[in-house]
Amino acid sequence: MEFMKKVEEIGKKVGDTASSTYNTVADKSGKLIQETKLKISISDKEADIDEIYEEIGKAVYEQYKAGEDVGKDYTKLAKKIDKLNEEIEEMNTKILYNKSLRVCASCGEVIPLASKFCTNCGEKQKAVRIKDDKKSSKKEEVEVEKVCPECGEVCDTTAKFCSKCGHKF
């Protein structure tokens, strides 16, 4: 009887360990798949930018050839490039977030996500915001952390007051 109890205990421990290992691997695999998808999307957007650059060149040349002013068309195409660059930046932010990293807005250094201050320049860090585009086609920013402007404490996004100094958000 004692032997069977020990076998059951060992079986339970092995099962718990296997389950925990599976969950960890599944989480890491999911993040790796998401990162790969984001990198593919970044490449696609960079290719789109290259096509727009080509369009700019063709449009300018054709208008120049026709003796027209080219200012307005430049602006329209440049705005398309700006939008694609913003989307690329957001995807890079998501990749870093999945690795628990962020970019310092002051100096551009990659630092740990939970950092209250940049390890390179010492600048106080603001909350990281990523766009959540899962449920709707309209992208909205989702706060993934809240940093107290008074003491720099990283707080829960639902907090109304800082857990360290009591500052009201």
N, C-alpha and C. Protein backbone atom coordinates (compact mmCIF):
# COMPACT_ATOMS: atom_id res chain seq x y z
N MET A 1 0.81 -1.18 0.00
CA MET A 1 0.00 0.00 0.00
C MET A 1 0.87 1.26 0.00
N GLU A 2 1.90 1.26 0.84
CA GLU A 2 2.84 2.39 0.92
C GLU A 2 3.49 2.62 -0.43
N PHE A 3 3.86 1.56 -1.09
CA PHE A 3 4.51 1.62 -2.39
C PHE A 3 3.58 2.28 -3.42
N MET A 4 2.33 1.92 -3.43
CA MET A 4 1.35 2.48 -4.37
C MET A 4 1.15 3.97 -4.13
N LYS A 5 1.17 4.39 -2.86
CA LYS A 5 1.03 5.82 -2.54
C LYS A 5 2.20 6.61 -3.13
N LYS A 6 3.40 6.06 -2.95
CA LYS A 6 4.58 6.72 -3.48
C LYS A 6 4.55 6.77 -5.00
N VAL A 7 4.09 5.71 -5.63
CA VAL A 7 3.98 5.69 -7.09
C VAL A 7 2.99 6.76 -7.54
N GLU A 8 1.88 6.89 -6.84
CA GLU A 8 0.89 7.90 -7.19
C GLU A 8 1.46 9.32 -7.00
N GLU A 9 2.18 9.53 -5.90
CA GLU A 9 2.79 10.84 -5.65
C GLU A 9 3.79 11.19 -6.75
N ILE A 10 4.63 10.23 -7.10
CA ILE A 10 5.63 10.44 -8.15
C ILE A 10 4.93 10.71 -9.48
N GLY A 11 3.88 9.95 -9.76
CA GLY A 11 3.12 10.16 -10.98
C GLY A 11 2.51 11.54 -11.04
N LYS A 12 1.99 12.00 -9.91
CA LYS A 12 1.40 13.34 -9.85
C LYS A 12 2.47 14.41 -10.08
N LYS A 13 3.64 14.27 -9.45
CA LYS A 13 4.72 15.22 -9.63
C LYS A 13 5.20 15.26 -11.07
N VAL A 14 5.33 14.08 -11.67
CA VAL A 14 5.76 14.01 -13.08
C VAL A 14 4.71 14.67 -13.96
N GLY A 15 3.45 14.41 -13.70
CA GLY A 15 2.37 15.02 -14.47
C GLY A 15 2.35 16.53 -14.33
N ASP A 16 2.52 17.02 -13.10
CA ASP A 16 2.56 18.47 -12.87
C ASP A 16 3.75 19.11 -13.58
N THR A 17 4.90 18.45 -13.49
CA THR A 17 6.10 18.98 -14.15
C THR A 17 5.93 18.99 -15.66
N ALA A 18 5.38 17.92 -16.20
CA ALA A 18 5.15 17.84 -17.65
C ALA A 18 4.17 18.91 -18.09
N SER A 19 3.12 19.11 -17.31
CA SER A 19 2.12 20.13 -17.64
C SER A 19 2.73 21.52 -17.59
N SER A 20 3.51 21.78 -16.57
CA SER A 20 4.17 23.08 -16.44
C SER A 20 5.14 23.31 -17.60
N THR A 21 5.91 22.30 -17.93
CA THR A 21 6.86 22.40 -19.04
C THR A 21 6.13 22.66 -20.35
N TYR A 22 5.03 21.94 -20.57
CA TYR A 22 4.23 22.14 -21.78
C TYR A 22 3.74 23.57 -21.87
N ASN A 23 3.21 24.10 -20.76
CA ASN A 23 2.69 25.47 -20.76
C ASN A 23 3.79 26.49 -21.06
N THR A 24 4.97 26.28 -20.49
CA THR A 24 6.09 27.19 -20.74
C THR A 24 6.50 27.14 -22.21
N VAL A 25 6.62 25.93 -22.75
CA VAL A 25 7.01 25.78 -24.16
C VAL A 25 5.94 26.37 -25.07
N ALA A 26 4.68 26.14 -24.75
CA ALA A 26 3.59 26.68 -25.57
C ALA A 26 3.62 28.20 -25.56
N ASP A 27 3.86 28.80 -24.39
CA ASP A 27 3.93 30.25 -24.30
C ASP A 27 5.09 30.80 -25.12
N LYS A 28 6.26 30.19 -24.98
CA LYS A 28 7.42 30.65 -25.74
C LYS A 28 7.22 30.42 -27.24
N SER A 29 6.61 29.31 -27.61
CA SER A 29 6.35 29.04 -29.03
C SER A 29 5.38 30.06 -29.60
N GLY A 30 4.35 30.39 -28.83
CA GLY A 30 3.38 31.39 -29.28
C GLY A 30 4.03 32.74 -29.49
N LYS A 31 4.92 33.12 -28.59
CA LYS A 31 5.62 34.40 -28.73
C LYS A 31 6.56 34.37 -29.93
N LEU A 32 7.22 33.23 -30.15
CA LEU A 32 8.12 33.11 -31.29
C LEU A 32 7.34 33.19 -32.60
N ILE A 33 6.19 32.55 -32.65
CA ILE A 33 5.35 32.60 -33.85
C ILE A 33 4.86 34.03 -34.08
N GLN A 34 4.44 34.70 -33.01
CA GLN A 34 3.99 36.09 -33.14
C GLN A 34 5.13 36.98 -33.63
N GLU A 35 6.33 36.77 -33.09
CA GLU A 35 7.48 37.57 -33.51
C GLU A 35 7.78 37.33 -34.99
N THR A 36 7.72 36.09 -35.42
CA THR A 36 7.97 35.76 -36.83
C THR A 36 6.94 36.43 -37.73
N LYS A 37 5.67 36.38 -37.34
CA LYS A 37 4.62 37.03 -38.12
C LYS A 37 4.85 38.53 -38.21
N LEU A 38 5.25 39.13 -37.08
CA LEU A 38 5.51 40.57 -37.08
C LEU A 38 6.69 40.91 -37.98
N LYS A 39 7.73 40.10 -37.95
CA LYS A 39 8.89 40.36 -38.80
C LYS A 39 8.54 40.22 -40.28
N ILE A 40 7.68 39.26 -40.61
CA ILE A 40 7.22 39.12 -42.00
C ILE A 40 6.42 40.35 -42.40
N SER A 41 5.55 40.82 -41.50
CA SER A 41 4.76 42.02 -41.79
C SER A 41 5.66 43.24 -41.97
N ILE A 42 6.71 43.33 -41.15
CA ILE A 42 7.66 44.43 -41.29
C ILE A 42 8.32 44.38 -42.66
N SER A 43 8.74 43.20 -43.08
CA SER A 43 9.37 43.06 -44.41
C SER A 43 8.40 43.46 -45.51
N ASP A 44 7.14 43.06 -45.38
CA ASP A 44 6.13 43.43 -46.37
C ASP A 44 5.95 44.94 -46.44
N LYS A 45 5.91 45.58 -45.27
CA LYS A 45 5.73 47.03 -45.24
C LYS A 45 6.96 47.76 -45.79
N GLU A 46 8.14 47.22 -45.52
CA GLU A 46 9.34 47.82 -46.08
C GLU A 46 9.35 47.69 -47.61
N ALA A 47 8.83 46.56 -48.11
CA ALA A 47 8.71 46.39 -49.57
C ALA A 47 7.70 47.40 -50.13
N ASP A 48 6.60 47.63 -49.39
CA ASP A 48 5.62 48.64 -49.80
C ASP A 48 6.26 50.02 -49.87
N ILE A 49 7.11 50.32 -48.90
CA ILE A 49 7.80 51.62 -48.90
C ILE A 49 8.69 51.73 -50.14
N ASP A 50 9.40 50.67 -50.46
CA ASP A 50 10.26 50.70 -51.66
C ASP A 50 9.43 50.95 -52.92
N GLU A 51 8.24 50.34 -52.99
CA GLU A 51 7.36 50.56 -54.14
C GLU A 51 6.91 52.02 -54.21
N ILE A 52 6.63 52.60 -53.05
CA ILE A 52 6.21 54.01 -53.03
C ILE A 52 7.37 54.90 -53.47
N TYR A 53 8.58 54.58 -53.01
CA TYR A 53 9.74 55.35 -53.47
C TYR A 53 9.83 55.31 -55.00
N GLU A 54 9.58 54.14 -55.56
CA GLU A 54 9.61 54.02 -57.02
C GLU A 54 8.50 54.85 -57.67
N GLU A 55 7.30 54.80 -57.04
CA GLU A 55 6.18 55.62 -57.54
C GLU A 55 6.52 57.10 -57.50
N ILE A 56 7.18 57.51 -56.40
CA ILE A 56 7.57 58.91 -56.27
C ILE A 56 8.46 59.31 -57.44
N GLY A 57 9.45 58.48 -57.69
CA GLY A 57 10.38 58.78 -58.78
C GLY A 57 9.67 58.88 -60.12
N LYS A 58 8.79 57.93 -60.41
CA LYS A 58 8.05 57.93 -61.67
C LYS A 58 7.13 59.15 -61.77
N ALA A 59 6.41 59.42 -60.66
CA ALA A 59 5.46 60.53 -60.67
C ALA A 59 6.18 61.87 -60.87
N VAL A 60 7.28 62.04 -60.17
CA VAL A 60 8.02 63.29 -60.29
C VAL A 60 8.56 63.44 -61.70
N TYR A 61 9.09 62.40 -62.25
CA TYR A 61 9.65 62.49 -63.59
C TYR A 61 8.58 62.81 -64.63
N GLU A 62 7.44 62.13 -64.52
CA GLU A 62 6.35 62.36 -65.48
C GLU A 62 5.84 63.80 -65.38
N GLN A 63 5.68 64.29 -64.16
CA GLN A 63 5.20 65.66 -63.99
C GLN A 63 6.26 66.66 -64.44
N TYR A 64 7.49 66.37 -64.13
CA TYR A 64 8.58 67.23 -64.57
C TYR A 64 8.61 67.30 -66.09
N LYS A 65 8.48 66.12 -66.69
CA LYS A 65 8.50 66.01 -68.15
C LYS A 65 7.36 66.83 -68.76
N ALA A 66 6.21 66.85 -68.06
CA ALA A 66 5.04 67.58 -68.55
C ALA A 66 5.08 69.06 -68.16
N GLY A 67 6.10 69.45 -67.40
CA GLY A 67 6.24 70.84 -67.00
C GLY A 67 5.34 71.25 -65.85
N GLU A 68 4.88 70.29 -65.03
CA GLU A 68 3.97 70.57 -63.92
C GLU A 68 4.71 70.73 -62.59
N ASP A 69 3.98 71.34 -61.63
CA ASP A 69 4.49 71.45 -60.27
C ASP A 69 4.32 70.09 -59.59
N VAL A 70 5.32 69.63 -58.84
CA VAL A 70 5.28 68.29 -58.26
C VAL A 70 5.06 68.27 -56.74
N GLY A 71 4.87 69.37 -56.09
CA GLY A 71 4.79 69.45 -54.63
C GLY A 71 3.69 68.63 -53.98
N LYS A 72 2.44 68.71 -54.46
CA LYS A 72 1.30 68.04 -53.83
C LYS A 72 1.43 66.51 -53.86
N ASP A 73 1.85 65.97 -54.96
CA ASP A 73 1.99 64.51 -55.08
C ASP A 73 3.08 63.97 -54.17
N TYR A 74 4.15 64.73 -53.99
CA TYR A 74 5.20 64.32 -53.06
C TYR A 74 4.63 64.15 -51.66
N THR A 75 3.83 65.12 -51.24
CA THR A 75 3.25 65.10 -49.90
C THR A 75 2.38 63.87 -49.70
N LYS A 76 1.53 63.56 -50.66
CA LYS A 76 0.62 62.41 -50.55
C LYS A 76 1.41 61.11 -50.40
N LEU A 77 2.42 60.91 -51.21
CA LEU A 77 3.22 59.69 -51.15
C LEU A 77 4.06 59.64 -49.88
N ALA A 78 4.57 60.79 -49.46
CA ALA A 78 5.37 60.83 -48.23
C ALA A 78 4.52 60.46 -47.02
N LYS A 79 3.24 60.86 -47.01
CA LYS A 79 2.35 60.51 -45.91
C LYS A 79 2.11 59.00 -45.86
N LYS A 80 2.03 58.36 -47.02
CA LYS A 80 1.89 56.90 -47.06
C LYS A 80 3.12 56.24 -46.41
N ILE A 81 4.29 56.76 -46.73
CA ILE A 81 5.53 56.23 -46.15
C ILE A 81 5.54 56.44 -44.64
N ASP A 82 5.12 57.62 -44.18
CA ASP A 82 5.06 57.89 -42.75
C ASP A 82 4.17 56.89 -42.03
N LYS A 83 3.01 56.59 -42.62
CA LYS A 83 2.07 55.65 -42.00
C LYS A 83 2.68 54.25 -41.91
N LEU A 84 3.32 53.80 -42.98
CA LEU A 84 3.96 52.48 -42.97
C LEU A 84 5.09 52.43 -41.94
N ASN A 85 5.86 53.51 -41.84
CA ASN A 85 6.94 53.55 -40.84
C ASN A 85 6.39 53.49 -39.42
N GLU A 86 5.25 54.13 -39.16
CA GLU A 86 4.61 54.06 -37.85
C GLU A 86 4.18 52.63 -37.53
N GLU A 87 3.62 51.94 -38.53
CA GLU A 87 3.20 50.55 -38.33
C GLU A 87 4.40 49.65 -38.05
N ILE A 88 5.51 49.88 -38.75
CA ILE A 88 6.73 49.11 -38.52
C ILE A 88 7.24 49.36 -37.10
N GLU A 89 7.23 50.61 -36.66
CA GLU A 89 7.68 50.94 -35.31
C GLU A 89 6.81 50.24 -34.27
N GLU A 90 5.50 50.21 -34.48
CA GLU A 90 4.60 49.55 -33.56
C GLU A 90 4.88 48.05 -33.50
N MET A 91 5.14 47.43 -34.64
CA MET A 91 5.45 46.00 -34.66
C MET A 91 6.76 45.72 -33.92
N ASN A 92 7.75 46.57 -34.11
CA ASN A 92 9.02 46.41 -33.38
C ASN A 92 8.81 46.56 -31.89
N THR A 93 7.90 47.47 -31.48
CA THR A 93 7.58 47.63 -30.07
C THR A 93 6.96 46.35 -29.51
N LYS A 94 6.07 45.72 -30.28
CA LYS A 94 5.44 44.46 -29.85
C LYS A 94 6.47 43.36 -29.71
N ILE A 95 7.42 43.30 -30.65
CA ILE A 95 8.48 42.28 -30.57
C ILE A 95 9.28 42.47 -29.30
N LEU A 96 9.67 43.70 -28.99
CA LEU A 96 10.42 43.97 -27.77
C LEU A 96 9.59 43.67 -26.53
N TYR A 97 8.30 44.03 -26.56
CA TYR A 97 7.42 43.79 -25.42
C TYR A 97 7.34 42.30 -25.11
N ASN A 98 7.25 41.48 -26.14
CA ASN A 98 7.19 40.03 -25.94
C ASN A 98 8.48 39.49 -25.33
N LYS A 99 9.56 40.23 -25.46
CA LYS A 99 10.84 39.85 -24.87
C LYS A 99 11.08 40.59 -23.56
N SER A 100 10.03 41.27 -23.04
CA SER A 100 10.11 42.08 -21.82
C SER A 100 11.16 43.19 -21.95
N LEU A 101 11.19 43.82 -23.13
CA LEU A 101 12.11 44.92 -23.39
C LEU A 101 11.32 46.11 -23.91
N ARG A 102 11.98 47.27 -23.94
CA ARG A 102 11.40 48.50 -24.46
C ARG A 102 12.53 49.37 -24.98
N VAL A 103 12.18 50.45 -25.68
CA VAL A 103 13.16 51.40 -26.17
C VAL A 103 12.99 52.70 -25.39
N CYS A 104 14.10 53.24 -24.91
CA CYS A 104 14.07 54.53 -24.21
C CYS A 104 13.68 55.60 -25.22
N ALA A 105 12.66 56.39 -24.91
CA ALA A 105 12.19 57.44 -25.81
C ALA A 105 13.20 58.58 -25.93
N SER A 106 14.08 58.68 -24.97
CA SER A 106 15.06 59.76 -24.97
C SER A 106 16.29 59.43 -25.81
N CYS A 107 16.90 58.26 -25.57
CA CYS A 107 18.17 57.95 -26.24
C CYS A 107 18.07 56.78 -27.23
N GLY A 108 16.95 56.03 -27.23
CA GLY A 108 16.78 54.94 -28.18
C GLY A 108 17.41 53.62 -27.75
N GLU A 109 17.96 53.55 -26.55
CA GLU A 109 18.60 52.33 -26.05
C GLU A 109 17.52 51.30 -25.70
N VAL A 110 17.79 50.02 -25.99
CA VAL A 110 16.88 48.94 -25.60
C VAL A 110 17.16 48.61 -24.14
N ILE A 111 16.11 48.67 -23.32
CA ILE A 111 16.24 48.45 -21.88
C ILE A 111 15.14 47.50 -21.40
N PRO A 112 15.25 46.94 -20.19
CA PRO A 112 14.20 46.07 -19.67
C PRO A 112 12.86 46.79 -19.57
N LEU A 113 11.78 46.08 -19.83
CA LEU A 113 10.43 46.65 -19.83
C LEU A 113 10.08 47.28 -18.48
N ALA A 114 10.49 46.67 -17.39
CA ALA A 114 10.12 47.16 -16.06
C ALA A 114 10.99 48.32 -15.58
N SER A 115 11.95 48.77 -16.38
CA SER A 115 12.84 49.85 -15.96
C SER A 115 12.07 51.13 -15.69
N LYS A 116 12.35 51.74 -14.57
CA LYS A 116 11.74 53.02 -14.23
C LYS A 116 12.54 54.16 -14.84
N PHE A 117 13.85 53.91 -14.99
CA PHE A 117 14.76 54.89 -15.58
C PHE A 117 15.64 54.18 -16.59
N CYS A 118 16.07 54.89 -17.62
CA CYS A 118 16.94 54.32 -18.64
C CYS A 118 18.31 54.05 -18.04
N THR A 119 18.84 52.88 -18.31
CA THR A 119 20.17 52.52 -17.80
C THR A 119 21.27 53.20 -18.59
N ASN A 120 20.94 53.79 -19.73
CA ASN A 120 21.94 54.46 -20.56
C ASN A 120 22.00 55.97 -20.30
N CYS A 121 20.82 56.62 -20.28
CA CYS A 121 20.81 58.09 -20.14
C CYS A 121 20.19 58.56 -18.83
N GLY A 122 19.56 57.66 -18.07
CA GLY A 122 18.97 58.02 -16.78
C GLY A 122 17.60 58.68 -16.86
N GLU A 123 17.05 58.81 -18.05
CA GLU A 123 15.75 59.47 -18.24
C GLU A 123 14.63 58.62 -17.64
N LYS A 124 13.66 59.26 -16.95
CA LYS A 124 12.49 58.58 -16.40
C LYS A 124 11.66 58.03 -17.56
N GLN A 125 11.16 56.80 -17.40
CA GLN A 125 10.43 56.14 -18.47
C GLN A 125 8.93 56.28 -18.29
N LYS A 126 8.25 56.45 -19.41
CA LYS A 126 6.79 56.52 -19.40
C LYS A 126 6.24 55.11 -19.64
N ALA A 127 4.94 54.95 -19.46
CA ALA A 127 4.29 53.66 -19.70
C ALA A 127 4.44 53.25 -21.16
N VAL A 128 4.63 51.97 -21.38
CA VAL A 128 4.71 51.44 -22.74
C VAL A 128 3.30 51.25 -23.25
N ARG A 129 3.05 51.68 -24.46
CA ARG A 129 1.73 51.51 -25.07
C ARG A 129 1.90 50.74 -26.37
N ILE A 130 1.04 49.73 -26.53
CA ILE A 130 1.03 48.99 -27.78
C ILE A 130 -0.38 49.04 -28.33
N LYS A 131 -0.50 48.95 -29.64
CA LYS A 131 -1.82 48.97 -30.25
C LYS A 131 -2.37 47.56 -30.27
N ASP A 132 -3.62 47.42 -29.86
CA ASP A 132 -4.29 46.13 -29.85
C ASP A 132 -5.21 46.09 -31.05
N ASP A 133 -4.88 45.23 -32.02
CA ASP A 133 -5.67 45.16 -33.24
C ASP A 133 -6.32 43.80 -33.41
N LYS A 134 -6.54 43.07 -32.31
CA LYS A 134 -7.11 41.73 -32.40
C LYS A 134 -8.61 41.73 -32.69
N LYS A 135 -9.39 42.54 -31.97
CA LYS A 135 -10.84 42.43 -32.03
C LYS A 135 -11.50 43.35 -33.04
N SER A 136 -10.80 44.37 -33.48
CA SER A 136 -11.42 45.28 -34.43
C SER A 136 -10.39 45.75 -35.44
N SER A 137 -10.89 46.22 -36.55
CA SER A 137 -9.97 46.73 -37.56
C SER A 137 -9.43 48.09 -37.14
N LYS A 138 -10.17 48.78 -36.27
CA LYS A 138 -9.70 50.06 -35.76
C LYS A 138 -8.72 49.77 -34.62
N LYS A 139 -7.50 50.28 -34.77
CA LYS A 139 -6.48 50.04 -33.76
C LYS A 139 -6.64 51.04 -32.64
N GLU A 140 -6.54 50.54 -31.40
CA GLU A 140 -6.59 51.43 -30.26
C GLU A 140 -5.41 51.09 -29.35
N GLU A 141 -4.90 52.12 -28.69
CA GLU A 141 -3.76 51.90 -27.83
C GLU A 141 -4.22 51.26 -26.53
N VAL A 142 -3.44 50.29 -26.06
CA VAL A 142 -3.70 49.60 -24.82
C VAL A 142 -2.50 49.84 -23.91
N GLU A 143 -2.75 50.34 -22.71
CA GLU A 143 -1.66 50.58 -21.79
C GLU A 143 -1.24 49.24 -21.19
N VAL A 144 0.04 48.89 -21.32
CA VAL A 144 0.51 47.62 -20.81
C VAL A 144 1.21 47.77 -19.47
N GLU A 145 1.48 48.98 -19.08
CA GLU A 145 1.99 49.26 -17.74
C GLU A 145 1.75 50.72 -17.44
N LYS A 146 1.75 51.05 -16.17
CA LYS A 146 1.55 52.44 -15.76
C LYS A 146 2.74 52.81 -14.89
N VAL A 147 3.43 53.88 -15.25
CA VAL A 147 4.59 54.34 -14.49
C VAL A 147 4.22 55.63 -13.78
N CYS A 148 4.43 55.65 -12.48
CA CYS A 148 4.08 56.83 -11.68
C CYS A 148 4.99 58.00 -12.08
N PRO A 149 4.40 59.17 -12.40
CA PRO A 149 5.20 60.32 -12.77
C PRO A 149 5.94 60.94 -11.58
N GLU A 150 5.53 60.60 -10.36
CA GLU A 150 6.17 61.16 -9.16
C GLU A 150 7.40 60.36 -8.74
N CYS A 151 7.24 59.03 -8.62
CA CYS A 151 8.34 58.23 -8.07
C CYS A 151 8.90 57.21 -9.05
N GLY A 152 8.24 57.02 -10.20
CA GLY A 152 8.73 56.08 -11.20
C GLY A 152 8.33 54.64 -10.97
N GLU A 153 7.51 54.35 -9.99
CA GLU A 153 7.08 52.99 -9.71
C GLU A 153 6.23 52.45 -10.87
N VAL A 154 6.48 51.20 -11.26
CA VAL A 154 5.67 50.55 -12.28
C VAL A 154 4.48 49.93 -11.56
N CYS A 155 3.27 50.37 -11.94
CA CYS A 155 2.05 49.94 -11.27
C CYS A 155 1.14 49.19 -12.23
N ASP A 156 0.15 48.52 -11.66
CA ASP A 156 -0.86 47.83 -12.45
C ASP A 156 -1.64 48.85 -13.27
N THR A 157 -2.02 48.47 -14.50
CA THR A 157 -2.71 49.41 -15.38
C THR A 157 -4.06 49.85 -14.84
N THR A 158 -4.64 49.08 -13.93
CA THR A 158 -5.95 49.44 -13.39
C THR A 158 -5.84 50.29 -12.12
N ALA A 159 -4.61 50.51 -11.64
CA ALA A 159 -4.41 51.26 -10.40
C ALA A 159 -4.86 52.71 -10.56
N LYS A 160 -5.53 53.21 -9.55
CA LYS A 160 -5.94 54.60 -9.53
C LYS A 160 -4.93 55.45 -8.77
N PHE A 161 -4.14 54.79 -7.92
CA PHE A 161 -3.11 55.46 -7.13
C PHE A 161 -1.83 54.64 -7.20
N CYS A 162 -0.70 55.31 -7.07
CA CYS A 162 0.60 54.64 -7.06
C CYS A 162 0.73 53.82 -5.79
N SER A 163 1.23 52.60 -5.94
CA SER A 163 1.39 51.71 -4.78
C SER A 163 2.58 52.11 -3.91
N LYS A 164 3.49 52.93 -4.44
CA LYS A 164 4.68 53.32 -3.67
C LYS A 164 4.49 54.68 -2.97
N CYS A 165 4.04 55.69 -3.73
CA CYS A 165 3.96 57.03 -3.13
C CYS A 165 2.55 57.57 -2.97
N GLY A 166 1.55 56.87 -3.54
CA GLY A 166 0.16 57.29 -3.39
C GLY A 166 -0.31 58.32 -4.39
N HIS A 167 0.52 58.65 -5.39
CA HIS A 167 0.14 59.63 -6.42
C HIS A 167 -1.14 59.17 -7.13
N LYS A 168 -2.07 60.10 -7.33
CA LYS A 168 -3.31 59.77 -8.03
C LYS A 168 -3.09 59.83 -9.53
N PHE A 169 -3.46 58.76 -10.23
CA PHE A 169 -3.30 58.71 -11.68
C PHE A 169 -4.46 59.39 -12.36
